[in-house]
Amino acid sequence: MTKRRTHSVIDTLPEDLREQLMRMIVDNVWPDDWLGPRDGKPTYDDLVMYCSTQDHVVSRSAIGRWAKRMQVYERMKTAGAIARDVMKGLSDENATQTQKAAAEIITAQIIEIASSEDMSAKDIKNIATAVRDCTAVSMKADTYIRDRARAKAAEAVKEITKIATKKKIDPEVLKAIREQVFGIVDGN
């Protein structure tokens, strides 16, 4: 099996030029020293022209391949930032349906990115890590929700038992109320 080329002519450019190209591609920002017309957002041809004004020859196809890679990278970075923000401070006390939903949305976005792009092994590893993290958030939220439901049910059993004792309600009637009306089955 042949090894895929993972570098680009763009990777050999000076760092400040690469950063400016990144701003042009990802943020649609024109450079301050741009001499041409500024119609809309920068195109691949604009990036080629900008490189030539900086004394570097780069083909339109090289810009296109690099730009596609950088846009995928930025989308993955954004999805990762969302995942980290959702998981920040996550504990048993604040795991919610909202966090679970956010994790599911992020997972869907990550899978969409992965399925629509040609990924390197490192990209696939990063995507797998992000999906794992999102799944962990979702599972933690599910566990917390189930634990809370159990705690509420146990508290309800205590309250019902306390009231039934005061009102001298038959234990069999109490059991029927717990099971049929509230859906609470206890070991009694």
N, C-alpha and C. Protein backbone atom coordinates (compact mmCIF):
# COMPACT_ATOMS: atom_id res chain seq x y z
N MET A 1 0.85 -1.17 0.00
CA MET A 1 0.00 0.00 0.00
C MET A 1 0.90 1.24 0.00
N THR A 2 0.56 2.20 -0.83
CA THR A 2 1.36 3.42 -0.90
C THR A 2 0.94 4.38 0.20
N LYS A 3 1.91 5.12 0.67
CA LYS A 3 1.63 6.09 1.72
C LYS A 3 1.08 7.36 1.08
N ARG A 4 -0.01 7.89 1.63
CA ARG A 4 -0.61 9.10 1.10
C ARG A 4 0.23 10.31 1.45
N ARG A 5 0.24 11.25 0.54
CA ARG A 5 0.94 12.51 0.78
C ARG A 5 0.11 13.33 1.76
N THR A 6 0.71 13.72 2.87
CA THR A 6 -0.05 14.45 3.88
C THR A 6 0.41 15.89 4.03
N HIS A 7 1.35 16.32 3.21
CA HIS A 7 1.79 17.70 3.29
C HIS A 7 1.47 18.41 1.99
N SER A 8 1.58 19.71 2.01
CA SER A 8 1.20 20.52 0.87
C SER A 8 2.28 21.55 0.62
N VAL A 9 2.26 22.12 -0.58
CA VAL A 9 3.15 23.23 -0.90
C VAL A 9 2.89 24.37 0.09
N ILE A 10 1.63 24.52 0.48
CA ILE A 10 1.24 25.58 1.42
C ILE A 10 1.99 25.39 2.75
N ASP A 11 2.21 24.14 3.15
CA ASP A 11 2.90 23.88 4.41
C ASP A 11 4.34 24.38 4.41
N THR A 12 4.90 24.61 3.23
CA THR A 12 6.29 25.11 3.14
C THR A 12 6.36 26.63 3.16
N LEU A 13 5.23 27.30 3.08
CA LEU A 13 5.21 28.78 3.08
C LEU A 13 5.56 29.31 4.47
N PRO A 14 6.00 30.55 4.56
CA PRO A 14 6.26 31.14 5.87
C PRO A 14 5.00 31.14 6.73
N GLU A 15 5.20 31.00 8.02
CA GLU A 15 4.07 30.88 8.94
C GLU A 15 3.12 32.06 8.88
N ASP A 16 3.64 33.28 8.80
CA ASP A 16 2.75 34.45 8.76
C ASP A 16 1.89 34.46 7.49
N LEU A 17 2.43 33.99 6.37
CA LEU A 17 1.67 33.90 5.14
C LEU A 17 0.59 32.81 5.26
N ARG A 18 0.95 31.67 5.83
CA ARG A 18 -0.04 30.59 6.05
C ARG A 18 -1.18 31.07 6.95
N GLU A 19 -0.83 31.82 8.00
CA GLU A 19 -1.86 32.33 8.91
C GLU A 19 -2.79 33.30 8.18
N GLN A 20 -2.22 34.14 7.31
CA GLN A 20 -3.05 35.07 6.55
C GLN A 20 -3.96 34.32 5.58
N LEU A 21 -3.43 33.30 4.93
CA LEU A 21 -4.24 32.47 4.04
C LEU A 21 -5.37 31.79 4.82
N MET A 22 -5.05 31.34 6.03
CA MET A 22 -6.06 30.70 6.89
C MET A 22 -7.18 31.70 7.20
N ARG A 23 -6.82 32.93 7.55
CA ARG A 23 -7.83 33.95 7.83
C ARG A 23 -8.69 34.23 6.60
N MET A 24 -8.04 34.23 5.43
CA MET A 24 -8.78 34.47 4.19
C MET A 24 -9.77 33.33 3.90
N ILE A 25 -9.34 32.09 4.13
CA ILE A 25 -10.18 30.93 3.84
C ILE A 25 -11.25 30.71 4.89
N VAL A 26 -10.85 30.69 6.15
CA VAL A 26 -11.77 30.31 7.22
C VAL A 26 -12.63 31.48 7.68
N ASP A 27 -12.01 32.65 7.84
CA ASP A 27 -12.73 33.81 8.39
C ASP A 27 -13.21 34.78 7.32
N ASN A 28 -12.85 34.54 6.05
CA ASN A 28 -13.22 35.42 4.94
C ASN A 28 -12.75 36.86 5.16
N VAL A 29 -11.53 37.00 5.69
CA VAL A 29 -10.95 38.31 5.99
C VAL A 29 -9.91 38.66 4.94
N TRP A 30 -10.04 39.85 4.37
CA TRP A 30 -9.06 40.32 3.40
C TRP A 30 -7.84 40.82 4.13
N PRO A 31 -6.62 40.55 3.62
CA PRO A 31 -5.40 41.06 4.26
C PRO A 31 -5.31 42.58 4.13
N ASP A 32 -4.65 43.20 5.08
CA ASP A 32 -4.49 44.66 5.06
C ASP A 32 -3.70 45.12 3.84
N ASP A 33 -2.75 44.30 3.39
CA ASP A 33 -1.91 44.69 2.26
C ASP A 33 -2.43 44.16 0.91
N TRP A 34 -3.73 43.85 0.84
CA TRP A 34 -4.34 43.36 -0.39
C TRP A 34 -4.44 44.51 -1.38
N LEU A 35 -3.98 44.30 -2.61
CA LEU A 35 -3.96 45.36 -3.61
C LEU A 35 -5.12 45.29 -4.59
N GLY A 36 -5.74 44.14 -4.70
CA GLY A 36 -6.82 43.97 -5.67
C GLY A 36 -8.17 44.40 -5.12
N PRO A 37 -9.21 44.21 -5.94
CA PRO A 37 -10.56 44.56 -5.48
C PRO A 37 -11.02 43.60 -4.37
N ARG A 38 -11.85 44.11 -3.48
CA ARG A 38 -12.34 43.30 -2.35
C ARG A 38 -13.83 43.02 -2.54
N ASP A 39 -14.13 42.17 -3.50
CA ASP A 39 -15.53 41.83 -3.79
C ASP A 39 -15.90 40.56 -3.05
N GLY A 40 -16.78 40.68 -2.07
CA GLY A 40 -17.24 39.51 -1.32
C GLY A 40 -16.13 38.89 -0.51
N LYS A 41 -16.16 37.57 -0.45
CA LYS A 41 -15.12 36.87 0.32
C LYS A 41 -14.00 36.43 -0.62
N PRO A 42 -12.80 36.23 -0.08
CA PRO A 42 -11.67 35.85 -0.93
C PRO A 42 -11.90 34.50 -1.62
N THR A 43 -11.53 34.42 -2.89
CA THR A 43 -11.64 33.17 -3.66
C THR A 43 -10.27 32.50 -3.70
N TYR A 44 -10.24 31.28 -4.24
CA TYR A 44 -8.97 30.58 -4.38
C TYR A 44 -8.03 31.39 -5.28
N ASP A 45 -8.60 32.00 -6.33
CA ASP A 45 -7.76 32.81 -7.22
C ASP A 45 -7.16 34.00 -6.47
N ASP A 46 -7.93 34.59 -5.55
CA ASP A 46 -7.42 35.69 -4.73
C ASP A 46 -6.26 35.21 -3.85
N LEU A 47 -6.37 34.01 -3.32
CA LEU A 47 -5.29 33.47 -2.49
C LEU A 47 -4.04 33.22 -3.32
N VAL A 48 -4.21 32.71 -4.55
CA VAL A 48 -3.08 32.50 -5.45
C VAL A 48 -2.41 33.84 -5.74
N MET A 49 -3.23 34.87 -6.04
CA MET A 49 -2.69 36.19 -6.35
C MET A 49 -1.97 36.78 -5.13
N TYR A 50 -2.54 36.59 -3.95
CA TYR A 50 -1.91 37.12 -2.74
C TYR A 50 -0.55 36.46 -2.51
N CYS A 51 -0.49 35.14 -2.72
CA CYS A 51 0.80 34.44 -2.58
C CYS A 51 1.82 34.99 -3.56
N SER A 52 1.39 35.27 -4.78
CA SER A 52 2.34 35.80 -5.78
C SER A 52 2.82 37.19 -5.39
N THR A 53 1.97 38.02 -4.75
CA THR A 53 2.43 39.34 -4.29
C THR A 53 3.43 39.22 -3.15
N GLN A 54 3.43 38.06 -2.49
CA GLN A 54 4.37 37.80 -1.40
C GLN A 54 5.58 36.99 -1.90
N ASP A 55 5.73 36.92 -3.24
CA ASP A 55 6.84 36.23 -3.91
C ASP A 55 6.84 34.71 -3.68
N HIS A 56 5.65 34.11 -3.67
CA HIS A 56 5.53 32.65 -3.56
C HIS A 56 4.56 32.17 -4.63
N VAL A 57 4.98 31.15 -5.37
CA VAL A 57 4.14 30.60 -6.42
C VAL A 57 3.41 29.38 -5.88
N VAL A 58 2.09 29.46 -5.93
CA VAL A 58 1.25 28.38 -5.45
C VAL A 58 0.13 28.19 -6.47
N SER A 59 -0.18 26.93 -6.80
CA SER A 59 -1.24 26.67 -7.78
C SER A 59 -2.63 26.75 -7.12
N ARG A 60 -3.62 26.98 -7.99
CA ARG A 60 -5.00 27.06 -7.51
C ARG A 60 -5.43 25.72 -6.90
N SER A 61 -5.01 24.62 -7.51
CA SER A 61 -5.39 23.30 -6.99
C SER A 61 -4.77 23.04 -5.62
N ALA A 62 -3.52 23.51 -5.42
CA ALA A 62 -2.88 23.35 -4.10
C ALA A 62 -3.65 24.15 -3.05
N ILE A 63 -4.06 25.36 -3.42
CA ILE A 63 -4.87 26.18 -2.51
C ILE A 63 -6.18 25.46 -2.20
N GLY A 64 -6.81 24.90 -3.22
CA GLY A 64 -8.09 24.22 -3.03
C GLY A 64 -7.97 23.02 -2.10
N ARG A 65 -6.97 22.19 -2.31
CA ARG A 65 -6.78 21.02 -1.44
C ARG A 65 -6.50 21.45 -0.01
N TRP A 66 -5.63 22.43 0.15
CA TRP A 66 -5.26 22.92 1.48
C TRP A 66 -6.46 23.57 2.16
N ALA A 67 -7.20 24.37 1.41
CA ALA A 67 -8.36 25.07 1.97
C ALA A 67 -9.41 24.07 2.46
N LYS A 68 -9.63 23.03 1.70
CA LYS A 68 -10.59 22.01 2.09
C LYS A 68 -10.16 21.37 3.42
N ARG A 69 -8.88 21.06 3.52
CA ARG A 69 -8.34 20.47 4.75
C ARG A 69 -8.49 21.42 5.93
N MET A 70 -8.21 22.71 5.71
CA MET A 70 -8.29 23.69 6.79
C MET A 70 -9.74 23.92 7.23
N GLN A 71 -10.68 23.90 6.30
CA GLN A 71 -12.08 24.08 6.66
C GLN A 71 -12.58 22.91 7.50
N VAL A 72 -12.16 21.70 7.14
CA VAL A 72 -12.52 20.53 7.95
C VAL A 72 -11.89 20.65 9.33
N TYR A 73 -10.64 21.05 9.37
CA TYR A 73 -9.94 21.23 10.64
C TYR A 73 -10.66 22.26 11.52
N GLU A 74 -11.07 23.37 10.94
CA GLU A 74 -11.78 24.40 11.72
C GLU A 74 -13.12 23.89 12.22
N ARG A 75 -13.84 23.14 11.38
CA ARG A 75 -15.13 22.58 11.84
C ARG A 75 -14.90 21.60 12.99
N MET A 76 -13.84 20.79 12.90
CA MET A 76 -13.54 19.85 13.98
C MET A 76 -13.15 20.61 15.25
N LYS A 77 -12.37 21.68 15.10
CA LYS A 77 -11.99 22.49 16.26
C LYS A 77 -13.22 23.10 16.92
N THR A 78 -14.15 23.59 16.11
CA THR A 78 -15.38 24.18 16.64
C THR A 78 -16.20 23.12 17.37
N ALA A 79 -16.34 21.95 16.77
CA ALA A 79 -17.10 20.87 17.42
C ALA A 79 -16.42 20.47 18.73
N GLY A 80 -15.09 20.40 18.72
CA GLY A 80 -14.35 20.08 19.95
C GLY A 80 -14.55 21.13 21.02
N ALA A 81 -14.56 22.40 20.62
CA ALA A 81 -14.77 23.48 21.59
C ALA A 81 -16.17 23.40 22.19
N ILE A 82 -17.15 23.08 21.36
CA ILE A 82 -18.52 22.93 21.86
C ILE A 82 -18.57 21.77 22.85
N ALA A 83 -17.94 20.66 22.50
CA ALA A 83 -17.94 19.49 23.39
C ALA A 83 -17.27 19.82 24.72
N ARG A 84 -16.12 20.50 24.66
CA ARG A 84 -15.44 20.87 25.90
C ARG A 84 -16.29 21.82 26.74
N ASP A 85 -16.97 22.76 26.09
CA ASP A 85 -17.81 23.70 26.82
C ASP A 85 -18.98 22.98 27.49
N VAL A 86 -19.57 22.04 26.78
CA VAL A 86 -20.69 21.28 27.34
C VAL A 86 -20.22 20.45 28.53
N MET A 87 -19.03 19.84 28.41
CA MET A 87 -18.55 18.94 29.46
C MET A 87 -17.89 19.68 30.62
N LYS A 88 -17.57 20.97 30.43
CA LYS A 88 -16.91 21.74 31.48
C LYS A 88 -17.80 21.79 32.71
N GLY A 89 -17.28 21.38 33.82
CA GLY A 89 -18.02 21.43 35.07
C GLY A 89 -19.10 20.37 35.17
N LEU A 90 -19.08 19.38 34.29
CA LEU A 90 -20.10 18.34 34.33
C LEU A 90 -19.91 17.47 35.56
N SER A 91 -20.96 17.36 36.33
CA SER A 91 -20.93 16.50 37.50
C SER A 91 -22.29 15.85 37.63
N ASP A 92 -22.43 14.97 38.60
CA ASP A 92 -23.71 14.29 38.79
C ASP A 92 -24.83 15.28 39.08
N GLU A 93 -24.51 16.41 39.69
CA GLU A 93 -25.53 17.37 40.07
C GLU A 93 -26.05 18.18 38.89
N ASN A 94 -25.26 18.37 37.84
CA ASN A 94 -25.73 19.24 36.77
C ASN A 94 -25.82 18.57 35.39
N ALA A 95 -25.75 17.27 35.35
CA ALA A 95 -25.96 16.58 34.08
C ALA A 95 -27.44 16.70 33.74
N THR A 96 -27.75 17.23 32.57
CA THR A 96 -29.14 17.50 32.21
C THR A 96 -29.47 16.98 30.83
N GLN A 97 -30.74 17.06 30.52
CA GLN A 97 -31.18 16.68 29.18
C GLN A 97 -30.55 17.61 28.14
N THR A 98 -30.36 18.86 28.48
CA THR A 98 -29.76 19.82 27.54
C THR A 98 -28.34 19.38 27.18
N GLN A 99 -27.57 18.99 28.18
CA GLN A 99 -26.21 18.53 27.90
C GLN A 99 -26.22 17.27 27.06
N LYS A 100 -27.16 16.39 27.36
CA LYS A 100 -27.26 15.16 26.58
C LYS A 100 -27.60 15.50 25.13
N ALA A 101 -28.56 16.40 24.93
CA ALA A 101 -28.95 16.79 23.58
C ALA A 101 -27.77 17.46 22.85
N ALA A 102 -27.04 18.31 23.55
CA ALA A 102 -25.89 18.98 22.94
C ALA A 102 -24.84 17.95 22.52
N ALA A 103 -24.60 16.97 23.37
CA ALA A 103 -23.63 15.92 23.04
C ALA A 103 -24.08 15.14 21.80
N GLU A 104 -25.37 14.88 21.70
CA GLU A 104 -25.88 14.15 20.55
C GLU A 104 -25.77 14.99 19.27
N ILE A 105 -26.02 16.29 19.38
CA ILE A 105 -25.88 17.18 18.23
C ILE A 105 -24.43 17.22 17.76
N ILE A 106 -23.52 17.36 18.71
CA ILE A 106 -22.09 17.42 18.37
C ILE A 106 -21.65 16.11 17.72
N THR A 107 -22.10 15.00 18.26
CA THR A 107 -21.76 13.70 17.68
C THR A 107 -22.24 13.62 16.24
N ALA A 108 -23.45 14.07 16.00
CA ALA A 108 -23.99 14.05 14.63
C ALA A 108 -23.16 14.93 13.70
N GLN A 109 -22.74 16.10 14.18
CA GLN A 109 -21.91 16.98 13.36
C GLN A 109 -20.56 16.33 13.06
N ILE A 110 -19.98 15.71 14.06
CA ILE A 110 -18.68 15.06 13.88
C ILE A 110 -18.79 13.94 12.85
N ILE A 111 -19.84 13.15 12.96
CA ILE A 111 -20.02 12.04 12.00
C ILE A 111 -20.24 12.59 10.60
N GLU A 112 -20.98 13.70 10.49
CA GLU A 112 -21.19 14.32 9.17
C GLU A 112 -19.86 14.79 8.58
N ILE A 113 -19.04 15.42 9.39
CA ILE A 113 -17.73 15.88 8.92
C ILE A 113 -16.90 14.69 8.46
N ALA A 114 -16.87 13.65 9.27
CA ALA A 114 -16.05 12.48 8.96
C ALA A 114 -16.51 11.79 7.69
N SER A 115 -17.81 11.74 7.47
CA SER A 115 -18.31 11.01 6.31
C SER A 115 -18.19 11.81 5.02
N SER A 116 -18.05 13.14 5.12
CA SER A 116 -18.01 13.94 3.91
C SER A 116 -16.59 14.30 3.46
N GLU A 117 -15.60 13.94 4.23
CA GLU A 117 -14.23 14.33 3.91
C GLU A 117 -13.30 13.13 3.85
N ASP A 118 -12.18 13.32 3.16
CA ASP A 118 -11.13 12.31 3.10
C ASP A 118 -10.22 12.54 4.30
N MET A 119 -10.24 11.65 5.25
CA MET A 119 -9.56 11.85 6.54
C MET A 119 -8.25 11.07 6.63
N SER A 120 -7.30 11.67 7.32
CA SER A 120 -6.05 10.96 7.63
C SER A 120 -6.27 10.13 8.89
N ALA A 121 -5.31 9.29 9.21
CA ALA A 121 -5.42 8.46 10.42
C ALA A 121 -5.52 9.34 11.67
N LYS A 122 -4.76 10.43 11.70
CA LYS A 122 -4.80 11.34 12.85
C LYS A 122 -6.18 12.00 12.97
N ASP A 123 -6.77 12.40 11.84
CA ASP A 123 -8.10 13.00 11.85
C ASP A 123 -9.13 12.00 12.37
N ILE A 124 -9.03 10.76 11.93
CA ILE A 124 -9.97 9.72 12.37
C ILE A 124 -9.82 9.49 13.87
N LYS A 125 -8.59 9.49 14.37
CA LYS A 125 -8.36 9.34 15.81
C LYS A 125 -9.00 10.49 16.58
N ASN A 126 -8.82 11.72 16.10
CA ASN A 126 -9.42 12.89 16.76
C ASN A 126 -10.94 12.82 16.75
N ILE A 127 -11.50 12.37 15.65
CA ILE A 127 -12.95 12.24 15.55
C ILE A 127 -13.45 11.17 16.52
N ALA A 128 -12.74 10.05 16.56
CA ALA A 128 -13.13 8.97 17.48
C ALA A 128 -13.09 9.45 18.94
N THR A 129 -12.07 10.23 19.28
CA THR A 129 -11.96 10.78 20.64
C THR A 129 -13.13 11.71 20.93
N ALA A 130 -13.48 12.57 19.98
CA ALA A 130 -14.59 13.50 20.17
C ALA A 130 -15.91 12.75 20.32
N VAL A 131 -16.13 11.73 19.50
CA VAL A 131 -17.36 10.93 19.61
C VAL A 131 -17.40 10.23 20.97
N ARG A 132 -16.27 9.68 21.40
CA ARG A 132 -16.21 9.02 22.72
C ARG A 132 -16.58 10.00 23.82
N ASP A 133 -16.02 11.21 23.77
CA ASP A 133 -16.32 12.22 24.79
C ASP A 133 -17.80 12.60 24.79
N CYS A 134 -18.37 12.77 23.61
CA CYS A 134 -19.79 13.11 23.52
C CYS A 134 -20.66 11.97 24.04
N THR A 135 -20.28 10.75 23.71
CA THR A 135 -21.03 9.59 24.20
C THR A 135 -20.95 9.51 25.72
N ALA A 136 -19.80 9.82 26.28
CA ALA A 136 -19.64 9.80 27.74
C ALA A 136 -20.57 10.83 28.39
N VAL A 137 -20.69 12.01 27.79
CA VAL A 137 -21.60 13.03 28.32
C VAL A 137 -23.03 12.51 28.30
N SER A 138 -23.42 11.93 27.18
CA SER A 138 -24.78 11.42 27.04
C SER A 138 -25.07 10.31 28.05
N MET A 139 -24.11 9.39 28.22
CA MET A 139 -24.31 8.28 29.16
C MET A 139 -24.36 8.78 30.60
N LYS A 140 -23.52 9.76 30.92
CA LYS A 140 -23.52 10.32 32.27
C LYS A 140 -24.85 11.01 32.56
N ALA A 141 -25.37 11.72 31.57
CA ALA A 141 -26.67 12.38 31.74
C ALA A 141 -27.77 11.34 31.94
N ASP A 142 -27.76 10.26 31.16
CA ASP A 142 -28.76 9.20 31.33
C ASP A 142 -28.69 8.59 32.73
N THR A 143 -27.48 8.30 33.19
CA THR A 143 -27.30 7.72 34.53
C THR A 143 -27.83 8.66 35.59
N TYR A 144 -27.51 9.94 35.48
CA TYR A 144 -27.96 10.92 36.45
C TYR A 144 -29.48 11.01 36.46
N ILE A 145 -30.10 11.03 35.30
CA ILE A 145 -31.56 11.13 35.21
C ILE A 145 -32.21 9.90 35.84
N ARG A 146 -31.69 8.71 35.57
CA ARG A 146 -32.23 7.48 36.18
C ARG A 146 -32.05 7.50 37.69
N ASP A 147 -30.87 7.91 38.16
CA ASP A 147 -30.62 7.97 39.61
C ASP A 147 -31.57 8.95 40.29
N ARG A 148 -31.81 10.08 39.64
CA ARG A 148 -32.75 11.06 40.22
C ARG A 148 -34.16 10.51 40.29
N ALA A 149 -34.58 9.80 39.25
CA ALA A 149 -35.92 9.20 39.25
C ALA A 149 -36.04 8.17 40.37
N ARG A 150 -34.99 7.36 40.57
CA ARG A 150 -35.02 6.38 41.66
C ARG A 150 -35.09 7.08 43.02
N ALA A 151 -34.32 8.16 43.19
CA ALA A 151 -34.33 8.88 44.46
C ALA A 151 -35.70 9.50 44.72
N LYS A 152 -36.32 10.06 43.68
CA LYS A 152 -37.67 10.64 43.84
C LYS A 152 -38.68 9.55 44.21
N ALA A 153 -38.54 8.39 43.57
CA ALA A 153 -39.46 7.28 43.87
C ALA A 153 -39.29 6.82 45.31
N ALA A 154 -38.05 6.70 45.77
CA ALA A 154 -37.79 6.28 47.15
C ALA A 154 -38.36 7.30 48.13
N GLU A 155 -38.20 8.58 47.83
CA GLU A 155 -38.74 9.64 48.69
C GLU A 155 -40.28 9.57 48.70
N ALA A 156 -40.87 9.31 47.54
CA ALA A 156 -42.33 9.19 47.46
C ALA A 156 -42.82 8.02 48.31
N VAL A 157 -42.11 6.89 48.26
CA VAL A 157 -42.49 5.73 49.07
C VAL A 157 -42.46 6.10 50.55
N LYS A 158 -41.42 6.80 50.99
CA LYS A 158 -41.32 7.21 52.39
C LYS A 158 -42.49 8.11 52.78
N GLU A 159 -42.80 9.10 51.92
CA GLU A 159 -43.89 10.03 52.23
C GLU A 159 -45.23 9.32 52.26
N ILE A 160 -45.46 8.46 51.27
CA ILE A 160 -46.73 7.73 51.23
C ILE A 160 -46.86 6.84 52.47
N THR A 161 -45.80 6.15 52.83
CA THR A 161 -45.81 5.28 54.01
C THR A 161 -46.07 6.09 55.28
N LYS A 162 -45.45 7.24 55.39
CA LYS A 162 -45.63 8.09 56.57
C LYS A 162 -47.09 8.56 56.66
N ILE A 163 -47.66 9.01 55.56
CA ILE A 163 -49.05 9.46 55.56
C ILE A 163 -49.99 8.29 55.84
N ALA A 164 -49.70 7.16 55.23
CA ALA A 164 -50.56 5.98 55.43
C ALA A 164 -50.54 5.53 56.87
N THR A 165 -49.39 5.61 57.53
CA THR A 165 -49.29 5.23 58.93
C THR A 165 -50.13 6.17 59.79
N LYS A 166 -50.03 7.47 59.53
CA LYS A 166 -50.82 8.44 60.29
C LYS A 166 -52.31 8.23 60.09
N LYS A 167 -52.73 7.94 58.85
CA LYS A 167 -54.16 7.80 58.52
C LYS A 167 -54.65 6.38 58.72
N LYS A 168 -53.74 5.49 59.13
CA LYS A 168 -54.08 4.08 59.37
C LYS A 168 -54.69 3.42 58.13
N ILE A 169 -54.02 3.61 57.00
CA ILE A 169 -54.45 2.99 55.74
C ILE A 169 -53.89 1.57 55.70
N ASP A 170 -54.72 0.65 55.21
CA ASP A 170 -54.35 -0.76 55.10
C ASP A 170 -53.08 -0.89 54.23
N PRO A 171 -52.05 -1.66 54.67
CA PRO A 171 -50.81 -1.83 53.91
C PRO A 171 -51.03 -2.37 52.49
N GLU A 172 -52.04 -3.22 52.31
CA GLU A 172 -52.32 -3.75 50.96
C GLU A 172 -52.86 -2.66 50.04
N VAL A 173 -53.68 -1.77 50.55
CA VAL A 173 -54.20 -0.64 49.77
C VAL A 173 -53.03 0.29 49.41
N LEU A 174 -52.17 0.51 50.38
CA LEU A 174 -51.00 1.36 50.16
C LEU A 174 -50.10 0.78 49.07
N LYS A 175 -49.91 -0.54 49.12
CA LYS A 175 -49.09 -1.19 48.12
C LYS A 175 -49.71 -1.06 46.73
N ALA A 176 -51.02 -1.22 46.64
CA ALA A 176 -51.72 -1.08 45.37
C ALA A 176 -51.59 0.35 44.82
N ILE A 177 -51.69 1.34 45.71
CA ILE A 177 -51.54 2.74 45.29
C ILE A 177 -50.12 2.96 44.74
N ARG A 178 -49.12 2.50 45.46
CA ARG A 178 -47.74 2.69 45.02
C ARG A 178 -47.50 2.04 43.67
N GLU A 179 -47.98 0.82 43.50
CA GLU A 179 -47.69 0.08 42.28
C GLU A 179 -48.53 0.53 41.09
N GLN A 180 -49.83 0.68 41.30
CA GLN A 180 -50.71 0.96 40.17
C GLN A 180 -50.82 2.45 39.82
N VAL A 181 -50.82 3.29 40.83
CA VAL A 181 -50.99 4.71 40.54
C VAL A 181 -49.62 5.37 40.27
N PHE A 182 -48.64 5.10 41.13
CA PHE A 182 -47.35 5.76 41.00
C PHE A 182 -46.30 4.92 40.26
N GLY A 183 -46.57 3.64 40.05
CA GLY A 183 -45.61 2.78 39.36
C GLY A 183 -44.38 2.47 40.19
N ILE A 184 -44.50 2.56 41.52
CA ILE A 184 -43.37 2.31 42.41
C ILE A 184 -43.51 0.93 43.00
N VAL A 185 -42.53 0.07 42.75
CA VAL A 185 -42.53 -1.27 43.31
C VAL A 185 -41.38 -1.33 44.29
N ASP A 186 -41.70 -1.63 45.55
CA ASP A 186 -40.64 -1.77 46.54
C ASP A 186 -40.57 -3.20 47.03
N GLY A 187 -39.62 -3.48 47.85
CA GLY A 187 -39.39 -4.84 48.31
C GLY A 187 -40.31 -5.29 49.42
N ASN A 188 -41.28 -4.48 49.84
CA ASN A 188 -42.18 -4.85 50.95
C ASN A 188 -43.27 -5.78 50.50
